[in-house]
Amino acid sequence: MTAKDLFDRQLAAIADRDLEALLGQYHDDATVVRFDRVARGPAEIRDLFTAYLSAEPKVDEVVSVRTTDDVIFYNALMTIAGNRVTTYGTLVIRDGRIWRQTAAAVPVT
């Protein structure tokens, strides 16, 4: 499995609003860092993505993505809770799963 494969599965899980598929992407020792909160470990990450998926996120366009063996850096246009945003993020992979993630969303003006 490549980093691109993992990214594609991430996009599919978001599109399908499939919480279990999304959670399956994350390492047991994962941390997700956003400006509004930090989620550590399975329980906190489940809470974060339950709230996220309830906002009905939709990836409108992947503007740019750069992958290495263990890092994915992306920029995408999304609609979240009816608001159009530009998102930026980094996924760091360990043992084939997301170990660290940063994510930021900026309103499109």
PDB file of N, CA and C in Angstrom:
ATOM      1  N   MET A   1       0.832  -1.180   0.000  1.00  0.00           N
ATOM      2  CA  MET A   1       0.000   0.000   0.000  1.00  0.00           C
ATOM      3  C   MET A   1       0.880   1.248   0.000  1.00  0.00           C
ATOM      4  N   THR A   2       0.522   2.195  -0.838  1.00  0.00           N
ATOM      5  CA  THR A   2       1.272   3.435  -0.920  1.00  0.00           C
ATOM      6  C   THR A   2       0.558   4.539  -0.131  1.00  0.00           C
ATOM      7  N   ALA A   3       1.270   5.644   0.073  1.00  0.00           N
ATOM      8  CA  ALA A   3       0.657   6.802   0.715  1.00  0.00           C
ATOM      9  C   ALA A   3      -0.538   7.288  -0.105  1.00  0.00           C
ATOM     10  N   LYS A   4      -0.428   7.229  -1.409  1.00  0.00           N
ATOM     11  CA  LYS A   4      -1.531   7.646  -2.291  1.00  0.00           C
ATOM     12  C   LYS A   4      -2.758   6.758  -2.077  1.00  0.00           C
ATOM     13  N   ASP A   5      -2.540   5.458  -1.908  1.00  0.00           N
ATOM     14  CA  ASP A   5      -3.649   4.537  -1.634  1.00  0.00           C
ATOM     15  C   ASP A   5      -4.355   4.920  -0.336  1.00  0.00           C
ATOM     16  N   LEU A   6      -3.580   5.215   0.692  1.00  0.00           N
ATOM     17  CA  LEU A   6      -4.150   5.610   1.971  1.00  0.00           C
ATOM     18  C   LEU A   6      -4.955   6.907   1.819  1.00  0.00           C
ATOM     19  N   PHE A   7      -4.419   7.866   1.090  1.00  0.00           N
ATOM     20  CA  PHE A   7      -5.113   9.135   0.864  1.00  0.00           C
ATOM     21  C   PHE A   7      -6.424   8.893   0.108  1.00  0.00           C
ATOM     22  N   ASP A   8      -6.387   8.059  -0.898  1.00  0.00           N
ATOM     23  CA  ASP A   8      -7.595   7.751  -1.657  1.00  0.00           C
ATOM     24  C   ASP A   8      -8.656   7.090  -0.766  1.00  0.00           C
ATOM     25  N   ARG A   9      -8.232   6.200   0.123  1.00  0.00           N
ATOM     26  CA  ARG A   9      -9.170   5.564   1.058  1.00  0.00           C
ATOM     27  C   ARG A   9      -9.747   6.594   2.029  1.00  0.00           C
ATOM     28  N   GLN A  10      -8.919   7.553   2.423  1.00  0.00           N
ATOM     29  CA  GLN A  10      -9.380   8.626   3.311  1.00  0.00           C
ATOM     30  C   GLN A  10     -10.482   9.436   2.625  1.00  0.00           C
ATOM     31  N   LEU A  11     -10.248   9.808   1.373  1.00  0.00           N
ATOM     32  CA  LEU A  11     -11.246  10.568   0.615  1.00  0.00           C
ATOM     33  C   LEU A  11     -12.537   9.772   0.445  1.00  0.00           C
ATOM     34  N   ALA A  12     -12.419   8.476   0.169  1.00  0.00           N
ATOM     35  CA  ALA A  12     -13.603   7.628  -0.006  1.00  0.00           C
ATOM     36  C   ALA A  12     -14.397   7.512   1.292  1.00  0.00           C
ATOM     37  N   ALA A  13     -13.712   7.363   2.413  1.00  0.00           N
ATOM     38  CA  ALA A  13     -14.398   7.262   3.707  1.00  0.00           C
ATOM     39  C   ALA A  13     -15.145   8.549   4.028  1.00  0.00           C
ATOM     40  N   ILE A  14     -14.540   9.689   3.701  1.00  0.00           N
ATOM     41  CA  ILE A  14     -15.216  10.976   3.914  1.00  0.00           C
ATOM     42  C   ILE A  14     -16.424  11.074   2.996  1.00  0.00           C
ATOM     43  N   ALA A  15     -16.249  10.741   1.724  1.00  0.00           N
ATOM     44  CA  ALA A  15     -17.352  10.820   0.756  1.00  0.00           C
ATOM     45  C   ALA A  15     -18.517   9.925   1.163  1.00  0.00           C
ATOM     46  N   ASP A  16     -18.199   8.754   1.703  1.00  0.00           N
ATOM     47  CA  ASP A  16     -19.230   7.802   2.116  1.00  0.00           C
ATOM     48  C   ASP A  16     -19.749   8.076   3.528  1.00  0.00           C
ATOM     49  N   ARG A  17     -19.128   9.026   4.203  1.00  0.00           N
ATOM     50  CA  ARG A  17     -19.430   9.320   5.615  1.00  0.00           C
ATOM     51  C   ARG A  17     -19.384   8.033   6.450  1.00  0.00           C
ATOM     52  N   ASP A  18     -18.342   7.272   6.190  1.00  0.00           N
ATOM     53  CA  ASP A  18     -18.163   5.970   6.815  1.00  0.00           C
ATOM     54  C   ASP A  18     -17.212   6.094   8.002  1.00  0.00           C
ATOM     55  N   LEU A  19     -17.782   6.289   9.178  1.00  0.00           N
ATOM     56  CA  LEU A  19     -16.981   6.504  10.380  1.00  0.00           C
ATOM     57  C   LEU A  19     -16.027   5.352  10.643  1.00  0.00           C
ATOM     58  N   GLU A  20     -16.493   4.123  10.539  1.00  0.00           N
ATOM     59  CA  GLU A  20     -15.632   2.976  10.852  1.00  0.00           C
ATOM     60  C   GLU A  20     -14.470   2.857   9.866  1.00  0.00           C
ATOM     61  N   ALA A  21     -14.730   3.104   8.578  1.00  0.00           N
ATOM     62  CA  ALA A  21     -13.637   3.091   7.594  1.00  0.00           C
ATOM     63  C   ALA A  21     -12.636   4.190   7.894  1.00  0.00           C
ATOM     64  N   LEU A  22     -13.129   5.354   8.268  1.00  0.00           N
ATOM     65  CA  LEU A  22     -12.257   6.477   8.591  1.00  0.00           C
ATOM     66  C   LEU A  22     -11.398   6.142   9.807  1.00  0.00           C
ATOM     67  N   LEU A  23     -12.027   5.632  10.861  1.00  0.00           N
ATOM     68  CA  LEU A  23     -11.282   5.289  12.074  1.00  0.00           C
ATOM     69  C   LEU A  23     -10.262   4.186  11.822  1.00  0.00           C
ATOM     70  N   GLY A  24     -10.564   3.281  10.901  1.00  0.00           N
ATOM     71  CA  GLY A  24      -9.632   2.208  10.563  1.00  0.00           C
ATOM     72  C   GLY A  24      -8.354   2.698   9.919  1.00  0.00           C
ATOM     73  N   GLN A  25      -8.360   3.918   9.466  1.00  0.00           N
ATOM     74  CA  GLN A  25      -7.173   4.519   8.847  1.00  0.00           C
ATOM     75  C   GLN A  25      -6.140   4.953   9.896  1.00  0.00           C
ATOM     76  N   TYR A  26      -6.563   5.073  11.160  1.00  0.00           N
ATOM     77  CA  TYR A  26      -5.734   5.702  12.185  1.00  0.00           C
ATOM     78  C   TYR A  26      -5.031   4.682  13.067  1.00  0.00           C
ATOM     79  N   HIS A  27      -3.765   4.957  13.330  1.00  0.00           N
ATOM     80  CA  HIS A  27      -2.927   4.176  14.228  1.00  0.00           C
ATOM     81  C   HIS A  27      -3.515   4.257  15.637  1.00  0.00           C
ATOM     82  N   ASP A  28      -3.321   3.241  16.435  1.00  0.00           N
ATOM     83  CA  ASP A  28      -3.828   3.250  17.812  1.00  0.00           C
ATOM     84  C   ASP A  28      -3.237   4.384  18.640  1.00  0.00           C
ATOM     85  N   ASP A  29      -2.062   4.857  18.258  1.00  0.00           N
ATOM     86  CA  ASP A  29      -1.360   5.927  18.968  1.00  0.00           C
ATOM     87  C   ASP A  29      -1.457   7.250  18.198  1.00  0.00           C
ATOM     88  N   ALA A  30      -2.519   7.429  17.418  1.00  0.00           N
ATOM     89  CA  ALA A  30      -2.644   8.607  16.546  1.00  0.00           C
ATOM     90  C   ALA A  30      -2.989   9.865  17.340  1.00  0.00           C
ATOM     91  N   THR A  31      -2.597  10.999  16.748  1.00  0.00           N
ATOM     92  CA  THR A  31      -2.965  12.322  17.239  1.00  0.00           C
ATOM     93  C   THR A  31      -3.394  13.152  16.039  1.00  0.00           C
ATOM     94  N   VAL A  32      -4.529  13.860  16.183  1.00  0.00           N
ATOM     95  CA  VAL A  32      -5.014  14.777  15.157  1.00  0.00           C
ATOM     96  C   VAL A  32      -4.994  16.174  15.761  1.00  0.00           C
ATOM     97  N   VAL A  33      -4.305  17.101  15.071  1.00  0.00           N
ATOM     98  CA  VAL A  33      -4.163  18.471  15.556  1.00  0.00           C
ATOM     99  C   VAL A  33      -4.882  19.415  14.608  1.00  0.00           C
ATOM    100  N   ARG A  34      -5.851  20.140  15.164  1.00  0.00           N
ATOM    101  CA  ARG A  34      -6.543  21.205  14.433  1.00  0.00           C
ATOM    102  C   ARG A  34      -6.460  22.462  15.289  1.00  0.00           C
ATOM    103  N   PHE A  35      -6.812  23.603  14.716  1.00  0.00           N
ATOM    104  CA  PHE A  35      -6.768  24.831  15.498  1.00  0.00           C
ATOM    105  C   PHE A  35      -7.783  24.814  16.636  1.00  0.00           C
ATOM    106  N   ASP A  36      -8.927  24.159  16.431  1.00  0.00           N
ATOM    107  CA  ASP A  36      -9.981  24.177  17.439  1.00  0.00           C
ATOM    108  C   ASP A  36      -9.875  23.063  18.474  1.00  0.00           C
ATOM    109  N   ARG A  37      -9.085  22.032  18.188  1.00  0.00           N
ATOM    110  CA  ARG A  37      -8.948  20.951  19.163  1.00  0.00           C
ATOM    111  C   ARG A  37      -7.835  20.001  18.767  1.00  0.00           C
ATOM    112  N   VAL A  38      -7.408  19.227  19.759  1.00  0.00           N
ATOM    113  CA  VAL A  38      -6.441  18.152  19.552  1.00  0.00           C
ATOM    114  C   VAL A  38      -7.112  16.873  20.033  1.00  0.00           C
ATOM    115  N   ALA A  39      -7.038  15.828  19.225  1.00  0.00           N
ATOM    116  CA  ALA A  39      -7.606  14.528  19.602  1.00  0.00           C
ATOM    117  C   ALA A  39      -6.480  13.511  19.651  1.00  0.00           C
ATOM    118  N   ARG A  40      -6.405  12.806  20.776  1.00  0.00           N
ATOM    119  CA  ARG A  40      -5.370  11.792  20.971  1.00  0.00           C
ATOM    120  C   ARG A  40      -6.026  10.452  21.264  1.00  0.00           C
ATOM    121  N   GLY A  41      -5.610   9.433  20.554  1.00  0.00           N
ATOM    122  CA  GLY A  41      -6.094   8.086  20.819  1.00  0.00           C
ATOM    123  C   GLY A  41      -7.468   7.815  20.230  1.00  0.00           C
ATOM    124  N   PRO A  42      -7.843   6.545  20.218  1.00  0.00           N
ATOM    125  CA  PRO A  42      -9.071   6.120  19.540  1.00  0.00           C
ATOM    126  C   PRO A  42     -10.354   6.796  20.017  1.00  0.00           C
ATOM    127  N   ALA A  43     -10.552   6.956  21.298  1.00  0.00           N
ATOM    128  CA  ALA A  43     -11.812   7.525  21.800  1.00  0.00           C
ATOM    129  C   ALA A  43     -11.960   8.986  21.384  1.00  0.00           C
ATOM    130  N   GLU A  44     -10.916   9.783  21.565  1.00  0.00           N
ATOM    131  CA  GLU A  44     -10.987  11.199  21.199  1.00  0.00           C
ATOM    132  C   GLU A  44     -11.098  11.374  19.688  1.00  0.00           C
ATOM    133  N   ILE A  45     -10.403  10.534  18.928  1.00  0.00           N
ATOM    134  CA  ILE A  45     -10.472  10.623  17.464  1.00  0.00           C
ATOM    135  C   ILE A  45     -11.866  10.198  16.989  1.00  0.00           C
ATOM    136  N   ARG A  46     -12.465   9.217  17.624  1.00  0.00           N
ATOM    137  CA  ARG A  46     -13.842   8.838  17.289  1.00  0.00           C
ATOM    138  C   ARG A  46     -14.780  10.026  17.525  1.00  0.00           C
ATOM    139  N   ASP A  47     -14.647  10.694  18.660  1.00  0.00           N
ATOM    140  CA  ASP A  47     -15.491  11.856  18.957  1.00  0.00           C
ATOM    141  C   ASP A  47     -15.290  12.958  17.916  1.00  0.00           C
ATOM    142  N   LEU A  48     -14.035  13.225  17.566  1.00  0.00           N
ATOM    143  CA  LEU A  48     -13.728  14.261  16.579  1.00  0.00           C
ATOM    144  C   LEU A  48     -14.388  13.950  15.241  1.00  0.00           C
ATOM    145  N   PHE A  49     -14.228  12.715  14.753  1.00  0.00           N
ATOM    146  CA  PHE A  49     -14.757  12.380  13.433  1.00  0.00           C
ATOM    147  C   PHE A  49     -16.272  12.159  13.434  1.00  0.00           C
ATOM    148  N   THR A  50     -16.838  11.800  14.560  1.00  0.00           N
ATOM    149  CA  THR A  50     -18.297  11.746  14.647  1.00  0.00           C
ATOM    150  C   THR A  50     -18.869  13.139  14.427  1.00  0.00           C
ATOM    151  N   ALA A  51     -18.285  14.137  15.094  1.00  0.00           N
ATOM    152  CA  ALA A  51     -18.727  15.525  14.912  1.00  0.00           C
ATOM    153  C   ALA A  51     -18.440  16.001  13.493  1.00  0.00           C
ATOM    154  N   TYR A  52     -17.272  15.680  12.978  1.00  0.00           N
ATOM    155  CA  TYR A  52     -16.881  16.103  11.627  1.00  0.00           C
ATOM    156  C   TYR A  52     -17.845  15.554  10.577  1.00  0.00           C
ATOM    157  N   LEU A  53     -18.148  14.267  10.646  1.00  0.00           N
ATOM    158  CA  LEU A  53     -19.036  13.669   9.653  1.00  0.00           C
ATOM    159  C   LEU A  53     -20.465  14.194   9.781  1.00  0.00           C
ATOM    160  N   SER A  54     -20.856  14.603  10.975  1.00  0.00           N
ATOM    161  CA  SER A  54     -22.204  15.173  11.136  1.00  0.00           C
ATOM    162  C   SER A  54     -22.329  16.527  10.450  1.00  0.00           C
ATOM    163  N   ALA A  55     -21.197  17.166  10.162  1.00  0.00           N
ATOM    164  CA  ALA A  55     -21.181  18.437   9.426  1.00  0.00           C
ATOM    165  C   ALA A  55     -21.257  18.217   7.915  1.00  0.00           C
ATOM    166  N   GLU A  56     -21.431  16.965   7.509  1.00  0.00           N
ATOM    167  CA  GLU A  56     -21.584  16.586   6.104  1.00  0.00           C
ATOM    168  C   GLU A  56     -20.472  17.138   5.202  1.00  0.00           C
ATOM    169  N   PRO A  57     -19.214  16.787   5.513  1.00  0.00           N
ATOM    170  CA  PRO A  57     -18.109  17.264   4.687  1.00  0.00           C
ATOM    171  C   PRO A  57     -18.155  16.684   3.282  1.00  0.00           C
ATOM    172  N   LYS A  58     -17.783  17.506   2.321  1.00  0.00           N
ATOM    173  CA  LYS A  58     -17.715  17.061   0.925  1.00  0.00           C
ATOM    174  C   LYS A  58     -16.441  17.625   0.315  1.00  0.00           C
ATOM    175  N   VAL A  59     -15.610  16.756  -0.199  1.00  0.00           N
ATOM    176  CA  VAL A  59     -14.397  17.188  -0.903  1.00  0.00           C
ATOM    177  C   VAL A  59     -14.819  17.577  -2.311  1.00  0.00           C
ATOM    178  N   ASP A  60     -14.761  18.875  -2.606  1.00  0.00           N
ATOM    179  CA  ASP A  60     -15.157  19.370  -3.920  1.00  0.00           C
ATOM    180  C   ASP A  60     -14.033  19.221  -4.940  1.00  0.00           C
ATOM    181  N   GLU A  61     -12.798  19.446  -4.486  1.00  0.00           N
ATOM    182  CA  GLU A  61     -11.640  19.356  -5.396  1.00  0.00           C
ATOM    183  C   GLU A  61     -10.366  19.203  -4.586  1.00  0.00           C
ATOM    184  N   VAL A  62      -9.547  18.228  -4.938  1.00  0.00           N
ATOM    185  CA  VAL A  62      -8.198  18.143  -4.383  1.00  0.00           C
ATOM    186  C   VAL A  62      -7.336  19.032  -5.265  1.00  0.00           C
ATOM    187  N   VAL A  63      -6.894  20.143  -4.697  1.00  0.00           N
ATOM    188  CA  VAL A  63      -6.137  21.133  -5.457  1.00  0.00           C
ATOM    189  C   VAL A  63      -4.707  20.663  -5.665  1.00  0.00           C
ATOM    190  N   SER A  64      -4.126  20.124  -4.605  1.00  0.00           N
ATOM    191  CA  SER A  64      -2.737  19.688  -4.677  1.00  0.00           C
ATOM    192  C   SER A  64      -2.492  18.619  -3.619  1.00  0.00           C
ATOM    193  N   VAL A  65      -1.686  17.655  -3.962  1.00  0.00           N
ATOM    194  CA  VAL A  65      -1.279  16.638  -3.002  1.00  0.00           C
ATOM    195  C   VAL A  65       0.159  16.231  -3.308  1.00  0.00           C
ATOM    196  N   ARG A  66       0.949  16.112  -2.255  1.00  0.00           N
ATOM    197  CA  ARG A  66       2.345  15.675  -2.391  1.00  0.00           C
ATOM    198  C   ARG A  66       2.541  14.529  -1.408  1.00  0.00           C
ATOM    199  N   THR A  67       3.080  13.425  -1.893  1.00  0.00           N
ATOM    200  CA  THR A  67       3.305  12.279  -1.021  1.00  0.00           C
ATOM    201  C   THR A  67       4.769  11.867  -1.062  1.00  0.00           C
ATOM    202  N   THR A  68       5.230  11.350   0.069  1.00  0.00           N
ATOM    203  CA  THR A  68       6.502  10.642   0.152  1.00  0.00           C
ATOM    204  C   THR A  68       6.151   9.262   0.703  1.00  0.00           C
ATOM    205  N   ASP A  69       7.142   8.518   1.121  1.00  0.00           N
ATOM    206  CA  ASP A  69       6.870   7.190   1.674  1.00  0.00           C
ATOM    207  C   ASP A  69       5.964   7.249   2.902  1.00  0.00           C
ATOM    208  N   ASP A  70       6.129   8.287   3.733  1.00  0.00           N
ATOM    209  CA  ASP A  70       5.393   8.313   4.991  1.00  0.00           C
ATOM    210  C   ASP A  70       4.713   9.648   5.311  1.00  0.00           C
ATOM    211  N   VAL A  71       4.649  10.560   4.340  1.00  0.00           N
ATOM    212  CA  VAL A  71       4.005  11.855   4.560  1.00  0.00           C
ATOM    213  C   VAL A  71       3.121  12.206   3.366  1.00  0.00           C
ATOM    214  N   ILE A  72       1.926  12.705   3.688  1.00  0.00           N
ATOM    215  CA  ILE A  72       1.015  13.234   2.674  1.00  0.00           C
ATOM    216  C   ILE A  72       0.730  14.675   3.062  1.00  0.00           C
ATOM    217  N   PHE A  73       0.898  15.585   2.124  1.00  0.00           N
ATOM    218  CA  PHE A  73       0.600  16.998   2.332  1.00  0.00           C
ATOM    219  C   PHE A  73      -0.426  17.376   1.274  1.00  0.00           C
ATOM    220  N   TYR A  74      -1.554  17.950   1.704  1.00  0.00           N
ATOM    221  CA  TYR A  74      -2.633  18.194   0.747  1.00  0.00           C
ATOM    222  C   TYR A  74      -3.263  19.572   0.914  1.00  0.00           C
ATOM    223  N   ASN A  75      -3.910  20.002  -0.150  1.00  0.00           N
ATOM    224  CA  ASN A  75      -4.745  21.204  -0.180  1.00  0.00           C
ATOM    225  C   ASN A  75      -5.995  20.818  -0.955  1.00  0.00           C
ATOM    226  N   ALA A  76      -7.168  21.075  -0.361  1.00  0.00           N
ATOM    227  CA  ALA A  76      -8.422  20.722  -1.015  1.00  0.00           C
ATOM    228  C   ALA A  76      -9.474  21.798  -0.774  1.00  0.00           C
ATOM    229  N   LEU A  77     -10.373  21.934  -1.729  1.00  0.00           N
ATOM    230  CA  LEU A  77     -11.561  22.757  -1.549  1.00  0.00           C
ATOM    231  C   LEU A  77     -12.668  21.838  -1.066  1.00  0.00           C
ATOM    232  N   MET A  78     -13.345  22.252   0.004  1.00  0.00           N
ATOM    233  CA  MET A  78     -14.385  21.418   0.592  1.00  0.00           C
ATOM    234  C   MET A  78     -15.602  22.257   0.950  1.00  0.00           C
ATOM    235  N   THR A  79     -16.693  21.571   1.151  1.00  0.00           N
ATOM    236  CA  THR A  79     -17.877  22.167   1.743  1.00  0.00           C
ATOM    237  C   THR A  79     -18.118  21.420   3.050  1.00  0.00           C
ATOM    238  N   ILE A  80     -18.127  22.171   4.163  1.00  0.00           N
ATOM    239  CA  ILE A  80     -18.319  21.589   5.483  1.00  0.00           C
ATOM    240  C   ILE A  80     -19.408  22.394   6.182  1.00  0.00           C
ATOM    241  N   ALA A  81     -20.443  21.717   6.621  1.00  0.00           N
ATOM    242  CA  ALA A  81     -21.601  22.366   7.260  1.00  0.00           C
ATOM    243  C   ALA A  81     -22.153  23.479   6.369  1.00  0.00           C
ATOM    244  N   GLY A  82     -22.122  23.231   5.058  1.00  0.00           N
ATOM    245  CA  GLY A  82     -22.654  24.192   4.107  1.00  0.00           C
ATOM    246  C   GLY A  82     -21.736  25.350   3.785  1.00  0.00           C
ATOM    247  N   ASN A  83     -20.549  25.379   4.381  1.00  0.00           N
ATOM    248  CA  ASN A  83     -19.590  26.459   4.158  1.00  0.00           C
ATOM    249  C   ASN A  83     -18.449  25.996   3.267  1.00  0.00           C
ATOM    250  N   ARG A  84     -18.124  26.790   2.266  1.00  0.00           N
ATOM    251  CA  ARG A  84     -17.014  26.473   1.358  1.00  0.00           C
ATOM    252  C   ARG A  84     -15.712  26.893   2.032  1.00  0.00           C
ATOM    253  N   VAL A  85     -14.756  25.961   2.107  1.00  0.00           N
ATOM    254  CA  VAL A  85     -13.482  26.216   2.767  1.00  0.00           C
ATOM    255  C   VAL A  85     -12.329  25.666   1.935  1.00  0.00           C
ATOM    256  N   THR A  86     -11.178  26.260   2.127  1.00  0.00           N
ATOM    257  CA  THR A  86      -9.930  25.720   1.613  1.00  0.00           C
ATOM    258  C   THR A  86      -9.267  25.003   2.776  1.00  0.00           C
ATOM    259  N   THR A  87      -8.917  23.745   2.576  1.00  0.00           N
ATOM    260  CA  THR A  87      -8.296  22.969   3.646  1.00  0.00           C
ATOM    261  C   THR A  87      -6.847  22.652   3.297  1.00  0.00           C
ATOM    262  N   TYR A  88      -6.049  22.573   4.341  1.00  0.00           N
ATOM    263  CA  TYR A  88      -4.648  22.191   4.231  1.00  0.00           C
ATOM    264  C   TYR A  88      -4.388  21.163   5.320  1.00  0.00           C
ATOM    265  N   GLY A  89      -3.571  20.185   5.017  1.00  0.00           N
ATOM    266  CA  GLY A  89      -3.271  19.226   6.058  1.00  0.00           C
ATOM    267  C   GLY A  89      -2.091  18.345   5.731  1.00  0.00           C
ATOM    268  N   THR A  90      -1.650  17.663   6.772  1.00  0.00           N
ATOM    269  CA  THR A  90      -0.540  16.731   6.672  1.00  0.00           C
ATOM    270  C   THR A  90      -0.938  15.436   7.364  1.00  0.00           C
ATOM    271  N   LEU A  91      -0.652  14.323   6.726  1.00  0.00           N
ATOM    272  CA  LEU A  91      -0.839  13.008   7.320  1.00  0.00           C
ATOM    273  C   LEU A  91       0.530  12.340   7.393  1.00  0.00           C
ATOM    274  N   VAL A  92       0.917  11.912   8.577  1.00  0.00           N
ATOM    275  CA  VAL A  92       2.171  11.181   8.757  1.00  0.00           C
ATOM    276  C   VAL A  92       1.802   9.727   9.019  1.00  0.00           C
ATOM    277  N   ILE A  93       2.408   8.839   8.263  1.00  0.00           N
ATOM    278  CA  ILE A  93       2.040   7.421   8.270  1.00  0.00           C
ATOM    279  C   ILE A  93       3.054   6.608   9.071  1.00  0.00           C
ATOM    280  N   ARG A  94       2.515   5.712   9.887  1.00  0.00           N
ATOM    281  CA  ARG A  94       3.353   4.739  10.607  1.00  0.00           C
ATOM    282  C   ARG A  94       2.635   3.397  10.521  1.00  0.00           C
ATOM    283  N   ASP A  95       3.356   2.370  10.156  1.00  0.00           N
ATOM    284  CA  ASP A  95       2.786   1.016  10.058  1.00  0.00           C
ATOM    285  C   ASP A  95       1.554   0.973   9.147  1.00  0.00           C
ATOM    286  N   GLY A  96       1.561   1.786   8.086  1.00  0.00           N
ATOM    287  CA  GLY A  96       0.486   1.766   7.102  1.00  0.00           C
ATOM    288  C   GLY A  96      -0.781   2.489   7.505  1.00  0.00           C
ATOM    289  N   ARG A  97      -0.741   3.206   8.639  1.00  0.00           N
ATOM    290  CA  ARG A  97      -1.923   3.936   9.116  1.00  0.00           C
ATOM    291  C   ARG A  97      -1.521   5.351   9.504  1.00  0.00           C
ATOM    292  N   ILE A  98      -2.501   6.216   9.639  1.00  0.00           N
ATOM    293  CA  ILE A  98      -2.220   7.612   9.988  1.00  0.00           C
ATOM    294  C   ILE A  98      -1.831   7.673  11.460  1.00  0.00           C
ATOM    295  N   TRP A  99      -0.645   8.207  11.706  1.00  0.00           N
ATOM    296  CA  TRP A  99      -0.101   8.314  13.057  1.00  0.00           C
ATOM    297  C   TRP A  99      -0.243   9.743  13.584  1.00  0.00           C
ATOM    298  N   ARG A 100      -0.012  10.725  12.716  1.00  0.00           N
ATOM    299  CA  ARG A 100      -0.154  12.137  13.072  1.00  0.00           C
ATOM    300  C   ARG A 100      -0.864  12.838  11.922  1.00  0.00           C
ATOM    301  N   GLN A 101      -1.757  13.761  12.277  1.00  0.00           N
ATOM    302  CA  GLN A 101      -2.460  14.547  11.265  1.00  0.00           C
ATOM    303  C   GLN A 101      -2.583  15.985  11.749  1.00  0.00           C
ATOM    304  N   THR A 102      -2.358  16.913  10.820  1.00  0.00           N
ATOM    305  CA  THR A 102      -2.711  18.305  11.056  1.00  0.00           C
ATOM    306  C   THR A 102      -3.744  18.673  10.011  1.00  0.00           C
ATOM    307  N   ALA A 103      -4.683  19.537  10.388  1.00  0.00           N
ATOM    308  CA  ALA A 103      -5.715  19.956   9.450  1.00  0.00           C
ATOM    309  C   ALA A 103      -6.155  21.372   9.791  1.00  0.00           C
ATOM    310  N   ALA A 104      -6.315  22.184   8.757  1.00  0.00           N
ATOM    311  CA  ALA A 104      -6.804  23.556   8.922  1.00  0.00           C
ATOM    312  C   ALA A 104      -7.757  23.882   7.777  1.00  0.00           C
ATOM    313  N   ALA A 105      -8.790  24.636   8.110  1.00  0.00           N
ATOM    314  CA  ALA A 105      -9.772  25.070   7.112  1.00  0.00           C
ATOM    315  C   ALA A 105      -9.893  26.583   7.153  1.00  0.00           C
ATOM    316  N   VAL A 106      -9.842  27.199   5.972  1.00  0.00           N
ATOM    317  CA  VAL A 106      -9.930  28.649   5.853  1.00  0.00           C
ATOM    318  C   VAL A 106     -11.137  28.960   4.970  1.00  0.00           C
ATOM    319  N   PRO A 107     -12.049  29.819   5.426  1.00  0.00           N
ATOM    320  CA  PRO A 107     -13.207  30.143   4.592  1.00  0.00           C
ATOM    321  C   PRO A 107     -12.795  30.702   3.234  1.00  0.00           C
ATOM    322  N   VAL A 108     -13.530  30.312   2.199  1.00  0.00           N
ATOM    323  CA  VAL A 108     -13.296  30.850   0.856  1.00  0.00           C
ATOM    324  C   VAL A 108     -14.045  32.173   0.793  1.00  0.00           C
ATOM    325  N   THR A 109     -13.345  33.212   0.395  1.00  0.00           N
ATOM    326  CA  THR A 109     -13.986  34.531   0.307  1.00  0.00           C
ATOM    327  C   THR A 109     -14.186  34.961  -1.127  1.00  0.00           C
TER     328      THR A 109
END
